[in-house]
N, C-alpha and C. Protein backbone atom coordinates (compact mmCIF):
# COMPACT_ATOMS: atom_id res chain seq x y z
N MET A 1 165.93 61.23 -97.78
CA MET A 1 167.37 60.59 -97.48
C MET A 1 167.32 59.39 -98.48
N ALA A 2 169.01 60.02 -98.44
CA ALA A 2 169.95 59.59 -99.32
C ALA A 2 170.59 58.38 -99.31
N ALA A 3 170.44 57.43 -100.14
CA ALA A 3 170.90 56.38 -100.38
C ALA A 3 172.73 56.14 -99.99
N THR A 4 172.98 55.37 -99.28
CA THR A 4 174.36 54.92 -98.53
C THR A 4 174.66 53.36 -99.36
N HIS A 5 175.48 53.71 -100.55
CA HIS A 5 175.69 53.13 -101.76
C HIS A 5 176.75 51.68 -100.83
N LEU A 6 176.52 50.91 -100.30
CA LEU A 6 177.13 49.56 -99.76
C LEU A 6 178.62 49.22 -100.86
N ILE A 7 179.87 49.47 -100.93
CA ILE A 7 181.02 48.21 -101.29
C ILE A 7 181.13 47.06 -100.68
N TYR A 8 181.63 46.01 -101.17
CA TYR A 8 181.21 44.84 -100.85
C TYR A 8 182.40 44.28 -102.40
N SER A 9 182.69 43.54 -102.04
CA SER A 9 183.61 42.65 -102.58
C SER A 9 182.44 41.24 -103.77
N THR A 10 183.18 41.27 -105.25
CA THR A 10 181.94 40.01 -105.41
C THR A 10 183.39 39.15 -105.81
N THR A 11 184.34 39.37 -105.11
CA THR A 11 185.73 38.61 -105.97
C THR A 11 185.23 37.26 -104.33
N VAL A 12 184.72 37.19 -104.16
CA VAL A 12 184.33 36.12 -102.52
C VAL A 12 182.79 35.59 -102.97
N PRO A 13 183.00 34.18 -102.30
CA PRO A 13 181.95 33.57 -102.93
C PRO A 13 180.36 33.88 -102.64
N ASN A 14 180.43 34.48 -101.27
CA ASN A 14 178.92 35.14 -101.31
C ASN A 14 178.72 36.82 -101.43
N GLY A 15 179.23 37.19 -101.60
CA GLY A 15 179.77 38.79 -102.17
C GLY A 15 178.88 38.53 -103.90
N LEU A 16 179.45 37.57 -103.92
CA LEU A 16 179.39 37.55 -105.72
C LEU A 16 177.83 37.22 -106.15
N LYS A 17 177.53 36.18 -104.90
CA LYS A 17 175.55 35.94 -104.72
C LYS A 17 175.22 37.20 -104.66
N VAL A 18 175.74 37.78 -104.14
CA VAL A 18 174.38 38.70 -103.11
C VAL A 18 174.78 40.32 -104.08
N ALA A 19 175.37 40.22 -104.76
CA ALA A 19 175.58 41.13 -106.51
C ALA A 19 174.70 40.18 -107.55
N LYS A 20 175.09 39.11 -107.85
CA LYS A 20 173.80 38.10 -108.58
C LYS A 20 172.76 38.10 -108.29
N ALA A 21 172.24 38.50 -107.55
CA ALA A 21 171.11 38.29 -106.44
C ALA A 21 169.63 39.42 -106.78
N ILE A 22 170.84 40.28 -106.79
CA ILE A 22 170.14 41.79 -107.34
C ILE A 22 170.39 42.00 -108.40
N SER A 23 170.98 41.83 -109.09
CA SER A 23 171.40 41.79 -110.80
C SER A 23 169.99 40.84 -111.44
N ASN A 24 170.14 39.42 -110.62
CA ASN A 24 168.52 39.04 -111.03
C ASN A 24 167.28 39.54 -110.45
N LEU A 25 167.29 39.90 -109.60
CA LEU A 25 165.44 40.41 -109.11
C LEU A 25 165.51 41.99 -110.16
N GLN A 26 166.80 42.54 -110.54
CA GLN A 26 166.52 43.68 -111.70
C GLN A 26 165.71 42.97 -112.79
N SER A 27 166.03 42.00 -113.26
CA SER A 27 166.17 41.19 -114.52
C SER A 27 164.91 40.45 -114.48
N ALA A 28 164.34 40.12 -113.54
CA ALA A 28 163.11 39.50 -113.40
C ALA A 28 162.27 40.21 -113.14
N ALA A 29 162.11 41.38 -112.78
CA ALA A 29 160.66 42.67 -113.02
C ALA A 29 160.91 42.69 -113.84
N THR A 30 162.32 43.42 -114.84
CA THR A 30 162.12 44.06 -116.54
C THR A 30 161.30 42.79 -116.99
N ASP A 31 162.04 41.51 -116.96
CA ASP A 31 161.12 40.93 -118.13
C ASP A 31 159.53 40.58 -117.78
N LEU A 32 159.17 39.92 -116.60
CA LEU A 32 157.72 40.06 -116.16
C LEU A 32 157.36 41.46 -116.62
N ALA A 33 157.82 42.86 -116.68
CA ALA A 33 156.82 43.78 -117.13
C ALA A 33 157.33 43.88 -118.57
N ARG A 34 157.94 43.31 -119.65
CA ARG A 34 157.92 43.13 -121.00
C ARG A 34 156.78 42.28 -121.09
N GLU A 35 156.60 40.78 -120.55
CA GLU A 35 156.16 40.07 -120.93
C GLU A 35 154.70 40.32 -120.45
N THR A 36 154.60 41.15 -119.70
CA THR A 36 152.84 41.02 -119.24
C THR A 36 152.28 42.15 -120.35
N ALA A 37 152.95 42.86 -120.75
CA ALA A 37 152.91 44.04 -122.00
C ALA A 37 152.48 43.32 -123.39
N VAL A 38 153.26 42.02 -123.36
CA VAL A 38 152.89 40.93 -124.71
C VAL A 38 151.68 40.62 -124.50
N MET A 39 151.14 39.90 -123.10
CA MET A 39 150.17 39.23 -123.16
C MET A 39 148.93 40.08 -123.14
N ASN A 40 149.30 41.91 -123.06
CA ASN A 40 148.08 42.47 -122.91
C ASN A 40 148.18 43.13 -124.27
N ALA A 41 148.82 42.75 -124.63
CA ALA A 41 148.85 43.16 -126.43
C ALA A 41 147.65 42.03 -126.96
N ILE A 42 148.13 40.48 -126.54
CA ILE A 42 147.51 39.87 -127.18
C ILE A 42 146.42 39.62 -126.11
N THR A 43 145.76 40.00 -125.19
CA THR A 43 144.62 39.73 -125.27
C THR A 43 143.66 40.63 -125.11
N GLY A 44 143.95 41.81 -125.31
CA GLY A 44 143.24 43.09 -125.38
C GLY A 44 143.14 43.80 -123.82
N GLY A 45 143.78 43.66 -123.01
CA GLY A 45 144.24 43.98 -121.86
C GLY A 45 144.18 42.82 -120.49
N GLY A 46 143.96 41.73 -121.33
CA GLY A 46 143.58 40.12 -120.35
C GLY A 46 142.11 40.43 -120.28
N VAL A 47 141.50 40.85 -121.21
CA VAL A 47 140.03 40.60 -121.22
C VAL A 47 140.19 38.89 -122.09
N THR A 48 141.02 38.55 -122.80
CA THR A 48 140.28 37.03 -123.58
C THR A 48 142.00 36.20 -123.42
N PRO A 49 142.19 35.90 -122.15
CA PRO A 49 143.64 35.14 -122.00
C PRO A 49 143.22 34.18 -122.59
N ALA A 50 142.42 33.73 -123.34
CA ALA A 50 142.32 32.57 -124.13
C ALA A 50 142.97 32.64 -125.93
N ASN A 51 143.20 33.91 -125.71
CA ASN A 51 144.27 34.09 -127.13
C ASN A 51 145.67 34.26 -126.29
N LEU A 52 146.27 33.56 -125.63
CA LEU A 52 147.67 33.06 -124.79
C LEU A 52 147.84 31.18 -125.73
N GLU A 53 147.07 30.96 -125.53
CA GLU A 53 147.05 29.16 -125.93
C GLU A 53 147.12 28.97 -127.21
N THR A 54 147.93 28.09 -127.51
CA THR A 54 148.29 27.26 -128.64
C THR A 54 147.11 27.17 -129.87
N GLY A 55 145.67 27.06 -129.35
CA GLY A 55 144.39 27.17 -130.45
C GLY A 55 144.49 28.46 -130.85
N ASN A 56 145.51 29.88 -130.65
CA ASN A 56 145.49 31.39 -131.49
C ASN A 56 146.75 31.17 -132.00
N PRO A 57 146.76 31.82 -132.84
CA PRO A 57 148.38 32.11 -133.79
C PRO A 57 148.80 33.20 -133.28
N ASP A 58 148.25 33.74 -132.55
CA ASP A 58 148.98 34.49 -131.25
C ASP A 58 149.84 34.02 -130.18
N GLY A 59 148.98 33.63 -129.81
CA GLY A 59 149.13 32.48 -128.57
C GLY A 59 150.24 31.89 -128.96
N LEU A 60 150.07 30.62 -130.04
CA LEU A 60 151.08 29.53 -130.01
C LEU A 60 152.50 29.83 -130.50
N ALA A 61 152.27 31.34 -131.52
CA ALA A 61 153.56 31.43 -131.56
C ALA A 61 154.01 32.93 -130.51
N ASN A 62 153.90 32.73 -129.07
CA ASN A 62 154.30 33.51 -128.39
C ASN A 62 154.85 33.25 -126.91
N PHE A 63 153.94 32.22 -126.43
CA PHE A 63 153.41 32.16 -125.15
C PHE A 63 153.32 30.37 -125.64
N ALA A 64 152.01 29.41 -126.17
CA ALA A 64 151.81 27.92 -126.73
C ALA A 64 151.12 27.73 -124.88
N VAL A 65 150.64 28.53 -124.65
CA VAL A 65 150.09 28.21 -123.10
C VAL A 65 148.65 26.72 -123.64
N ALA A 66 149.00 25.95 -122.99
CA ALA A 66 148.26 24.38 -123.05
C ALA A 66 146.67 24.98 -123.25
N VAL A 67 145.69 24.66 -124.33
CA VAL A 67 144.31 25.10 -123.92
C VAL A 67 143.72 25.15 -122.57
N GLY A 68 143.02 26.59 -122.51
CA GLY A 68 142.24 26.27 -121.22
C GLY A 68 143.27 26.52 -119.78
N GLN A 69 144.68 26.92 -119.70
CA GLN A 69 145.24 27.42 -118.83
C GLN A 69 145.69 29.00 -119.85
N GLY A 70 144.84 29.22 -120.25
CA GLY A 70 145.23 30.70 -121.18
C GLY A 70 144.88 32.48 -119.51
N ASN A 71 143.82 31.58 -119.10
CA ASN A 71 143.30 32.81 -117.54
C ASN A 71 144.14 32.24 -116.62
N ALA A 72 144.76 31.54 -116.37
CA ALA A 72 145.60 30.83 -114.80
C ALA A 72 146.86 31.29 -115.65
N PHE A 73 147.28 31.58 -116.62
CA PHE A 73 148.54 31.77 -117.15
C PHE A 73 148.69 33.10 -117.18
N TYR A 74 147.67 33.99 -117.38
CA TYR A 74 147.96 35.17 -117.51
C TYR A 74 147.87 35.48 -115.83
N THR A 75 146.90 35.20 -115.04
CA THR A 75 146.80 36.05 -113.73
C THR A 75 148.29 35.60 -112.88
N ALA A 76 148.81 34.67 -113.43
CA ALA A 76 150.13 34.20 -112.59
C ALA A 76 150.89 35.22 -112.96
N VAL A 77 151.05 35.37 -114.80
CA VAL A 77 152.18 36.01 -114.99
C VAL A 77 151.94 37.47 -114.12
N ASN A 78 150.25 38.00 -114.63
CA ASN A 78 150.46 39.21 -113.88
C ASN A 78 151.00 39.95 -112.76
N ASN A 79 150.28 39.00 -111.68
CA ASN A 79 150.22 38.74 -110.69
C ASN A 79 151.50 39.16 -110.35
N LEU A 80 152.34 38.46 -110.02
CA LEU A 80 154.24 38.50 -110.13
C LEU A 80 154.49 40.16 -110.64
N SER A 81 154.14 39.88 -112.04
CA SER A 81 154.45 41.69 -112.56
C SER A 81 154.48 42.55 -111.80
N VAL A 82 152.56 42.57 -111.76
CA VAL A 82 152.42 44.04 -110.23
C VAL A 82 153.00 43.40 -108.74
N GLY A 83 153.28 42.09 -108.28
CA GLY A 83 154.15 42.29 -106.93
C GLY A 83 155.20 42.70 -107.64
N LEU A 84 155.86 42.71 -107.90
CA LEU A 84 157.36 43.23 -108.59
C LEU A 84 157.58 44.39 -108.69
N ASN A 85 156.26 44.69 -109.47
CA ASN A 85 156.55 46.47 -110.35
C ASN A 85 155.30 47.88 -110.04
N ALA A 86 154.21 47.17 -109.17
CA ALA A 86 153.99 48.73 -108.80
C ALA A 86 154.36 49.56 -108.14
N PRO A 87 154.07 50.36 -108.64
CA PRO A 87 154.66 52.45 -108.14
C PRO A 87 155.36 52.14 -106.80
N SER A 88 154.33 52.02 -106.37
CA SER A 88 154.53 51.79 -104.28
C SER A 88 154.47 51.19 -103.52
N THR A 89 153.52 49.99 -104.53
CA THR A 89 153.39 49.10 -103.50
C THR A 89 154.25 47.95 -103.76
N GLY A 90 154.73 47.94 -105.04
CA GLY A 90 155.43 46.93 -105.06
C GLY A 90 156.86 46.28 -104.53
N PHE A 91 157.60 45.00 -104.51
CA PHE A 91 158.38 44.85 -104.36
C PHE A 91 159.73 45.36 -104.87
N MET A 92 159.78 45.90 -105.96
CA MET A 92 160.78 46.82 -105.84
C MET A 92 161.06 48.48 -105.64
N ALA A 93 159.67 48.38 -105.86
CA ALA A 93 159.26 50.10 -104.94
C ALA A 93 159.67 49.94 -103.68
N VAL A 94 158.94 49.20 -103.03
CA VAL A 94 159.18 49.11 -101.24
C VAL A 94 160.76 48.74 -101.01
N ASN A 95 161.59 48.21 -101.26
CA ASN A 95 162.88 47.89 -101.78
C ASN A 95 163.92 48.99 -102.45
N ALA A 96 163.25 49.74 -102.92
CA ALA A 96 164.29 50.75 -103.54
C ALA A 96 166.07 51.37 -103.19
N ALA A 97 165.36 51.40 -102.29
CA ALA A 97 166.94 51.77 -101.68
C ALA A 97 167.29 51.19 -101.53
N ASN A 98 166.91 49.29 -100.82
CA ASN A 98 168.12 48.31 -100.84
C ASN A 98 168.58 48.28 -101.41
N ILE A 99 168.24 48.05 -102.73
CA ILE A 99 168.87 47.52 -104.16
C ILE A 99 169.06 48.05 -104.50
N ALA A 100 169.21 50.09 -104.87
CA ALA A 100 170.19 50.85 -105.18
C ALA A 100 171.32 50.43 -104.03
N ASN A 101 171.08 50.41 -103.15
CA ASN A 101 172.53 50.59 -102.17
C ASN A 101 172.91 49.07 -102.35
N LEU A 102 172.94 48.29 -102.86
CA LEU A 102 173.55 47.12 -103.30
C LEU A 102 173.92 46.93 -104.53
N ASP A 103 173.02 47.23 -104.95
CA ASP A 103 173.60 47.14 -106.51
C ASP A 103 174.86 47.88 -107.39
N LEU A 104 175.52 47.26 -107.42
CA LEU A 104 177.41 47.44 -108.00
C LEU A 104 177.12 47.35 -109.37
N GLY A 105 176.01 47.62 -110.39
CA GLY A 105 176.19 47.69 -111.30
C GLY A 105 176.08 46.66 -112.06
N ALA A 106 176.62 45.28 -111.88
CA ALA A 106 177.04 44.55 -112.72
C ALA A 106 176.14 43.26 -113.89
């Protein structure tokens, strides 16, 4: 079934808010996917989340997570990214038609 692009105005307050929300959703999904990739590079795919902490040079330069909180930080960011971006079950995939219909390209 083809998507039906919805036309609405961004010159009125609530139309603008919808357009911004759609843009923010897309940005959040992209940003979290990028940051998860960086975390995976630093931690060996999540094997050593302590590498995100201030006690590690890569962690200090990139995330500066408090010592002892690397695992919790990695898990939280990764879970959000997966929740948004999983290919068939993530929020963005499940709602792809709605997002496409509401995306004004702004």
